[in-house]
Structures are given as C-alpha cells and as structure tokens.
Amino acid sequence: MHLIMKSQFDDLRLNDDHEYSADDKGGKKVVKIFKDGQLIAKKIAVKRSIQYFGVTGIEDFLTY
C-alpha cells in the first residue's frame, strides 16, 4: 500500500460499489474500504495525524 490523497479516499468511500468498515481502538481510528472482499484502501487517524493508503492500481477503482 502507498499514500493516496484524501480526495481519492473520499471518492472510494462514497462509491456504492464498495463496502467500508470503521474501527476505533484506544485513540487509533481505522477506516477500511473493500471491493469484492479485497482491501483496497484505508485511513489511519492517530491524534492529529491522518494518513490515507491505497493499493497499487487504485486509479482503476476511482470514479472521477
């Protein structure tokens, strides 16, 4: 996985073809996005730091 932009992550999250799950454990929040059961992107938020990650070839899943 590599870093992606927030706009790319939001595009994936708002797509009805993808499922996502959110998890909050002791100050670390993780949102994962899945396509056909495969993890394609995730967001990790710890305190004030937010990072967005996507699989190689994430452009194939974007709608814009």
PDB file of N, CA and C in Angstrom:
ATOM      1  N   MET A   1       0.841  -1.179   0.000  1.00  0.00           N
ATOM      2  CA  MET A   1       0.000   0.000   0.000  1.00  0.00           C
ATOM      3  C   MET A   1       0.882   1.237   0.000  1.00  0.00           C
ATOM      4  N   HIS A   2       0.382   2.297  -0.596  1.00  0.00           N
ATOM      5  CA  HIS A   2       1.127   3.546  -0.654  1.00  0.00           C
ATOM      6  C   HIS A   2       0.185   4.698  -0.315  1.00  0.00           C
ATOM      7  N   LEU A   3       0.746   5.845  -0.047  1.00  0.00           N
ATOM      8  CA  LEU A   3      -0.047   7.009   0.325  1.00  0.00           C
ATOM      9  C   LEU A   3      -0.884   7.490  -0.851  1.00  0.00           C
ATOM     10  N   ILE A   4      -2.136   7.881  -0.544  1.00  0.00           N
ATOM     11  CA  ILE A   4      -3.015   8.477  -1.549  1.00  0.00           C
ATOM     12  C   ILE A   4      -3.575   9.777  -0.983  1.00  0.00           C
ATOM     13  N   MET A   5      -4.241  10.553  -1.816  1.00  0.00           N
ATOM     14  CA  MET A   5      -4.812  11.825  -1.371  1.00  0.00           C
ATOM     15  C   MET A   5      -6.174  11.607  -0.719  1.00  0.00           C
ATOM     16  N   LYS A   6      -6.575  12.554   0.122  1.00  0.00           N
ATOM     17  CA  LYS A   6      -7.861  12.496   0.801  1.00  0.00           C
ATOM     18  C   LYS A   6      -9.006  12.454  -0.199  1.00  0.00           C
ATOM     19  N   SER A   7      -8.917  13.200  -1.277  1.00  0.00           N
ATOM     20  CA  SER A   7      -9.979  13.228  -2.283  1.00  0.00           C
ATOM     21  C   SER A   7     -10.152  11.853  -2.938  1.00  0.00           C
ATOM     22  N   GLN A   8      -9.056  11.138  -3.157  1.00  0.00           N
ATOM     23  CA  GLN A   8      -9.146   9.793  -3.715  1.00  0.00           C
ATOM     24  C   GLN A   8      -9.826   8.853  -2.726  1.00  0.00           C
ATOM     25  N   PHE A   9      -9.466   8.959  -1.450  1.00  0.00           N
ATOM     26  CA  PHE A   9     -10.077   8.119  -0.428  1.00  0.00           C
ATOM     27  C   PHE A   9     -11.575   8.399  -0.333  1.00  0.00           C
ATOM     28  N   ASP A  10     -11.971   9.671  -0.333  1.00  0.00           N
ATOM     29  CA  ASP A  10     -13.382  10.038  -0.246  1.00  0.00           C
ATOM     30  C   ASP A  10     -14.156   9.526  -1.457  1.00  0.00           C
ATOM     31  N   ASP A  11     -13.552   9.569  -2.635  1.00  0.00           N
ATOM     32  CA  ASP A  11     -14.197   9.047  -3.837  1.00  0.00           C
ATOM     33  C   ASP A  11     -14.474   7.551  -3.687  1.00  0.00           C
ATOM     34  N   LEU A  12     -13.526   6.818  -3.144  1.00  0.00           N
ATOM     35  CA  LEU A  12     -13.716   5.380  -2.926  1.00  0.00           C
ATOM     36  C   LEU A  12     -14.780   5.112  -1.863  1.00  0.00           C
ATOM     37  N   ARG A  13     -14.755   5.884  -0.795  1.00  0.00           N
ATOM     38  CA  ARG A  13     -15.693   5.672   0.321  1.00  0.00           C
ATOM     39  C   ARG A  13     -17.133   5.960  -0.098  1.00  0.00           C
ATOM     40  N   LEU A  14     -17.343   6.951  -0.934  1.00  0.00           N
ATOM     41  CA  LEU A  14     -18.693   7.335  -1.338  1.00  0.00           C
ATOM     42  C   LEU A  14     -19.247   6.501  -2.490  1.00  0.00           C
ATOM     43  N   ASN A  15     -18.451   5.647  -3.075  1.00  0.00           N
ATOM     44  CA  ASN A  15     -18.885   4.777  -4.163  1.00  0.00           C
ATOM     45  C   ASN A  15     -19.746   3.648  -3.593  1.00  0.00           C
ATOM     46  N   ASP A  16     -20.952   3.473  -4.137  1.00  0.00           N
ATOM     47  CA  ASP A  16     -21.880   2.453  -3.642  1.00  0.00           C
ATOM     48  C   ASP A  16     -21.411   1.029  -3.920  1.00  0.00           C
ATOM     49  N   ASP A  17     -20.469   0.853  -4.845  1.00  0.00           N
ATOM     50  CA  ASP A  17     -19.959  -0.481  -5.165  1.00  0.00           C
ATOM     51  C   ASP A  17     -18.973  -0.997  -4.117  1.00  0.00           C
ATOM     52  N   HIS A  18     -18.512  -0.122  -3.215  1.00  0.00           N
ATOM     53  CA  HIS A  18     -17.521  -0.503  -2.215  1.00  0.00           C
ATOM     54  C   HIS A  18     -18.158  -0.553  -0.835  1.00  0.00           C
ATOM     55  N   GLU A  19     -17.657  -1.465  -0.003  1.00  0.00           N
ATOM     56  CA  GLU A  19     -18.072  -1.526   1.395  1.00  0.00           C
ATOM     57  C   GLU A  19     -16.954  -0.940   2.245  1.00  0.00           C
ATOM     58  N   TYR A  20     -17.312  -0.418   3.421  1.00  0.00           N
ATOM     59  CA  TYR A  20     -16.266   0.066   4.310  1.00  0.00           C
ATOM     60  C   TYR A  20     -16.614  -0.262   5.748  1.00  0.00           C
ATOM     61  N   SER A  21     -15.587  -0.361   6.574  1.00  0.00           N
ATOM     62  CA  SER A  21     -15.763  -0.622   7.997  1.00  0.00           C
ATOM     63  C   SER A  21     -14.911   0.362   8.779  1.00  0.00           C
ATOM     64  N   ALA A  22     -15.401   0.718   9.961  1.00  0.00           N
ATOM     65  CA  ALA A  22     -14.680   1.660  10.825  1.00  0.00           C
ATOM     66  C   ALA A  22     -14.397   0.978  12.156  1.00  0.00           C
ATOM     67  N   ASP A  23     -13.232   1.281  12.712  1.00  0.00           N
ATOM     68  CA  ASP A  23     -12.802   0.672  13.966  1.00  0.00           C
ATOM     69  C   ASP A  23     -12.103   1.735  14.804  1.00  0.00           C
ATOM     70  N   ASP A  24     -12.406   1.767  16.087  1.00  0.00           N
ATOM     71  CA  ASP A  24     -11.801   2.747  16.997  1.00  0.00           C
ATOM     72  C   ASP A  24     -11.264   2.000  18.209  1.00  0.00           C
ATOM     73  N   LYS A  25      -9.950   1.994  18.336  1.00  0.00           N
ATOM     74  CA  LYS A  25      -9.317   1.288  19.455  1.00  0.00           C
ATOM     75  C   LYS A  25      -8.352   2.217  20.163  1.00  0.00           C
ATOM     76  N   GLY A  26      -8.739   2.715  21.294  1.00  0.00           N
ATOM     77  CA  GLY A  26      -7.836   3.489  22.136  1.00  0.00           C
ATOM     78  C   GLY A  26      -7.181   4.675  21.475  1.00  0.00           C
ATOM     79  N   GLY A  27      -7.929   5.477  20.762  1.00  0.00           N
ATOM     80  CA  GLY A  27      -7.369   6.663  20.151  1.00  0.00           C
ATOM     81  C   GLY A  27      -6.888   6.476  18.730  1.00  0.00           C
ATOM     82  N   LYS A  28      -6.825   5.249  18.252  1.00  0.00           N
ATOM     83  CA  LYS A  28      -6.427   4.983  16.870  1.00  0.00           C
ATOM     84  C   LYS A  28      -7.678   4.588  16.091  1.00  0.00           C
ATOM     85  N   LYS A  29      -8.024   5.397  15.095  1.00  0.00           N
ATOM     86  CA  LYS A  29      -9.213   5.139  14.291  1.00  0.00           C
ATOM     87  C   LYS A  29      -8.785   4.653  12.916  1.00  0.00           C
ATOM     88  N   VAL A  30      -9.398   3.563  12.481  1.00  0.00           N
ATOM     89  CA  VAL A  30      -9.059   2.976  11.188  1.00  0.00           C
ATOM     90  C   VAL A  30     -10.345   2.782  10.385  1.00  0.00           C
ATOM     91  N   VAL A  31     -10.353   3.265   9.153  1.00  0.00           N
ATOM     92  CA  VAL A  31     -11.455   3.043   8.222  1.00  0.00           C
ATOM     93  C   VAL A  31     -10.886   2.263   7.046  1.00  0.00           C
ATOM     94  N   LYS A  32     -11.501   1.111   6.747  1.00  0.00           N
ATOM     95  CA  LYS A  32     -11.030   0.268   5.647  1.00  0.00           C
ATOM     96  C   LYS A  32     -12.102   0.196   4.577  1.00  0.00           C
ATOM     97  N   ILE A  33     -11.679   0.241   3.313  1.00  0.00           N
ATOM     98  CA  ILE A  33     -12.585   0.152   2.174  1.00  0.00           C
ATOM     99  C   ILE A  33     -12.285  -1.136   1.414  1.00  0.00           C
ATOM    100  N   PHE A  34     -13.357  -1.872   1.092  1.00  0.00           N
ATOM    101  CA  PHE A  34     -13.230  -3.157   0.426  1.00  0.00           C
ATOM    102  C   PHE A  34     -13.970  -3.158  -0.899  1.00  0.00           C
ATOM    103  N   LYS A  35     -13.439  -3.874  -1.867  1.00  0.00           N
ATOM    104  CA  LYS A  35     -14.102  -4.114  -3.153  1.00  0.00           C
ATOM    105  C   LYS A  35     -14.066  -5.615  -3.378  1.00  0.00           C
ATOM    106  N   ASP A  36     -15.240  -6.249  -3.411  1.00  0.00           N
ATOM    107  CA  ASP A  36     -15.351  -7.705  -3.579  1.00  0.00           C
ATOM    108  C   ASP A  36     -14.537  -8.468  -2.538  1.00  0.00           C
ATOM    109  N   GLY A  37     -14.541  -7.995  -1.305  1.00  0.00           N
ATOM    110  CA  GLY A  37     -13.847  -8.663  -0.216  1.00  0.00           C
ATOM    111  C   GLY A  37     -12.358  -8.362  -0.124  1.00  0.00           C
ATOM    112  N   GLN A  38     -11.808  -7.621  -1.064  1.00  0.00           N
ATOM    113  CA  GLN A  38     -10.387  -7.272  -1.061  1.00  0.00           C
ATOM    114  C   GLN A  38     -10.204  -5.866  -0.497  1.00  0.00           C
ATOM    115  N   LEU A  39      -9.239  -5.701   0.391  1.00  0.00           N
ATOM    116  CA  LEU A  39      -8.912  -4.386   0.944  1.00  0.00           C
ATOM    117  C   LEU A  39      -8.252  -3.546  -0.144  1.00  0.00           C
ATOM    118  N   ILE A  40      -8.851  -2.359  -0.436  1.00  0.00           N
ATOM    119  CA  ILE A  40      -8.268  -1.509  -1.477  1.00  0.00           C
ATOM    120  C   ILE A  40      -7.748  -0.190  -0.914  1.00  0.00           C
ATOM    121  N   ALA A  41      -8.244   0.231   0.267  1.00  0.00           N
ATOM    122  CA  ALA A  41      -7.771   1.491   0.841  1.00  0.00           C
ATOM    123  C   ALA A  41      -8.054   1.514   2.330  1.00  0.00           C
ATOM    124  N   LYS A  42      -7.284   2.340   3.053  1.00  0.00           N
ATOM    125  CA  LYS A  42      -7.551   2.520   4.476  1.00  0.00           C
ATOM    126  C   LYS A  42      -7.088   3.893   4.925  1.00  0.00           C
ATOM    127  N   LYS A  43      -7.729   4.363   5.986  1.00  0.00           N
ATOM    128  CA  LYS A  43      -7.410   5.650   6.594  1.00  0.00           C
ATOM    129  C   LYS A  43      -7.049   5.374   8.044  1.00  0.00           C
ATOM    130  N   ILE A  44      -5.928   5.908   8.480  1.00  0.00           N
ATOM    131  CA  ILE A  44      -5.481   5.738   9.858  1.00  0.00           C
ATOM    132  C   ILE A  44      -5.375   7.116  10.495  1.00  0.00           C
ATOM    133  N   ALA A  45      -6.075   7.302  11.611  1.00  0.00           N
ATOM    134  CA  ALA A  45      -6.050   8.581  12.331  1.00  0.00           C
ATOM    135  C   ALA A  45      -5.593   8.321  13.757  1.00  0.00           C
ATOM    136  N   VAL A  46      -4.486   8.955  14.135  1.00  0.00           N
ATOM    137  CA  VAL A  46      -3.953   8.873  15.483  1.00  0.00           C
ATOM    138  C   VAL A  46      -3.726  10.305  15.950  1.00  0.00           C
ATOM    139  N   LYS A  47      -4.458  10.706  16.967  1.00  0.00           N
ATOM    140  CA  LYS A  47      -4.430  12.086  17.463  1.00  0.00           C
ATOM    141  C   LYS A  47      -4.697  13.054  16.323  1.00  0.00           C
ATOM    142  N   ARG A  48      -3.737  13.874  15.939  1.00  0.00           N
ATOM    143  CA  ARG A  48      -3.941  14.854  14.868  1.00  0.00           C
ATOM    144  C   ARG A  48      -3.381  14.391  13.528  1.00  0.00           C
ATOM    145  N   SER A  49      -2.810  13.233  13.484  1.00  0.00           N
ATOM    146  CA  SER A  49      -2.212  12.716  12.261  1.00  0.00           C
ATOM    147  C   SER A  49      -3.208  11.823  11.518  1.00  0.00           C
ATOM    148  N   ILE A  50      -3.426  12.106  10.237  1.00  0.00           N
ATOM    149  CA  ILE A  50      -4.303  11.293   9.398  1.00  0.00           C
ATOM    150  C   ILE A  50      -3.528  10.904   8.148  1.00  0.00           C
ATOM    151  N   GLN A  51      -3.530   9.603   7.847  1.00  0.00           N
ATOM    152  CA  GLN A  51      -2.852   9.103   6.656  1.00  0.00           C
ATOM    153  C   GLN A  51      -3.819   8.231   5.868  1.00  0.00           C
ATOM    154  N   TYR A  52      -3.743   8.347   4.537  1.00  0.00           N
ATOM    155  CA  TYR A  52      -4.595   7.591   3.632  1.00  0.00           C
ATOM    156  C   TYR A  52      -3.710   6.686   2.791  1.00  0.00           C
ATOM    157  N   PHE A  53      -4.080   5.414   2.705  1.00  0.00           N
ATOM    158  CA  PHE A  53      -3.301   4.432   1.954  1.00  0.00           C
ATOM    159  C   PHE A  53      -4.189   3.736   0.939  1.00  0.00           C
ATOM    160  N   GLY A  54      -3.611   3.386  -0.198  1.00  0.00           N
ATOM    161  CA  GLY A  54      -4.328   2.648  -1.236  1.00  0.00           C
ATOM    162  C   GLY A  54      -3.423   1.608  -1.858  1.00  0.00           C
ATOM    163  N   VAL A  55      -4.039   0.597  -2.450  1.00  0.00           N
ATOM    164  CA  VAL A  55      -3.267  -0.448  -3.116  1.00  0.00           C
ATOM    165  C   VAL A  55      -2.705   0.083  -4.428  1.00  0.00           C
ATOM    166  N   THR A  56      -1.726  -0.598  -4.963  1.00  0.00           N
ATOM    167  CA  THR A  56      -1.181  -0.237  -6.260  1.00  0.00           C
ATOM    168  C   THR A  56      -2.265  -0.443  -7.313  1.00  0.00           C
ATOM    169  N   GLY A  57      -2.454   0.526  -8.181  1.00  0.00           N
ATOM    170  CA  GLY A  57      -3.503   0.450  -9.194  1.00  0.00           C
ATOM    171  C   GLY A  57      -4.841   0.979  -8.705  1.00  0.00           C
ATOM    172  N   ILE A  58      -4.817   1.821  -7.674  1.00  0.00           N
ATOM    173  CA  ILE A  58      -6.050   2.363  -7.090  1.00  0.00           C
ATOM    174  C   ILE A  58      -6.842   3.183  -8.108  1.00  0.00           C
ATOM    175  N   GLU A  59      -6.171   3.688  -9.143  1.00  0.00           N
ATOM    176  CA  GLU A  59      -6.822   4.514 -10.148  1.00  0.00           C
ATOM    177  C   GLU A  59      -7.952   3.756 -10.863  1.00  0.00           C
ATOM    178  N   ASP A  60      -7.849   2.420 -10.917  1.00  0.00           N
ATOM    179  CA  ASP A  60      -8.879   1.605 -11.568  1.00  0.00           C
ATOM    180  C   ASP A  60     -10.205   1.643 -10.816  1.00  0.00           C
ATOM    181  N   PHE A  61     -10.177   1.952  -9.515  1.00  0.00           N
ATOM    182  CA  PHE A  61     -11.381   1.953  -8.689  1.00  0.00           C
ATOM    183  C   PHE A  61     -12.009   3.336  -8.540  1.00  0.00           C
ATOM    184  N   LEU A  62     -11.328   4.387  -8.986  1.00  0.00           N
ATOM    185  CA  LEU A  62     -11.836   5.749  -8.831  1.00  0.00           C
ATOM    186  C   LEU A  62     -12.900   6.040  -9.880  1.00  0.00           C
ATOM    187  N   THR A  63     -13.867   6.921  -9.525  1.00  0.00           N
ATOM    188  CA  THR A  63     -14.970   7.219 -10.435  1.00  0.00           C
ATOM    189  C   THR A  63     -14.834   8.568 -11.108  1.00  0.00           C
ATOM    190  N   TYR A  64     -13.959   9.438 -10.633  1.00  0.00           N
ATOM    191  CA  TYR A  64     -13.856  10.773 -11.253  1.00  0.00           C
ATOM    192  C   TYR A  64     -12.881  10.804 -12.380  1.00  0.00           C
TER     193      TYR A  64
END
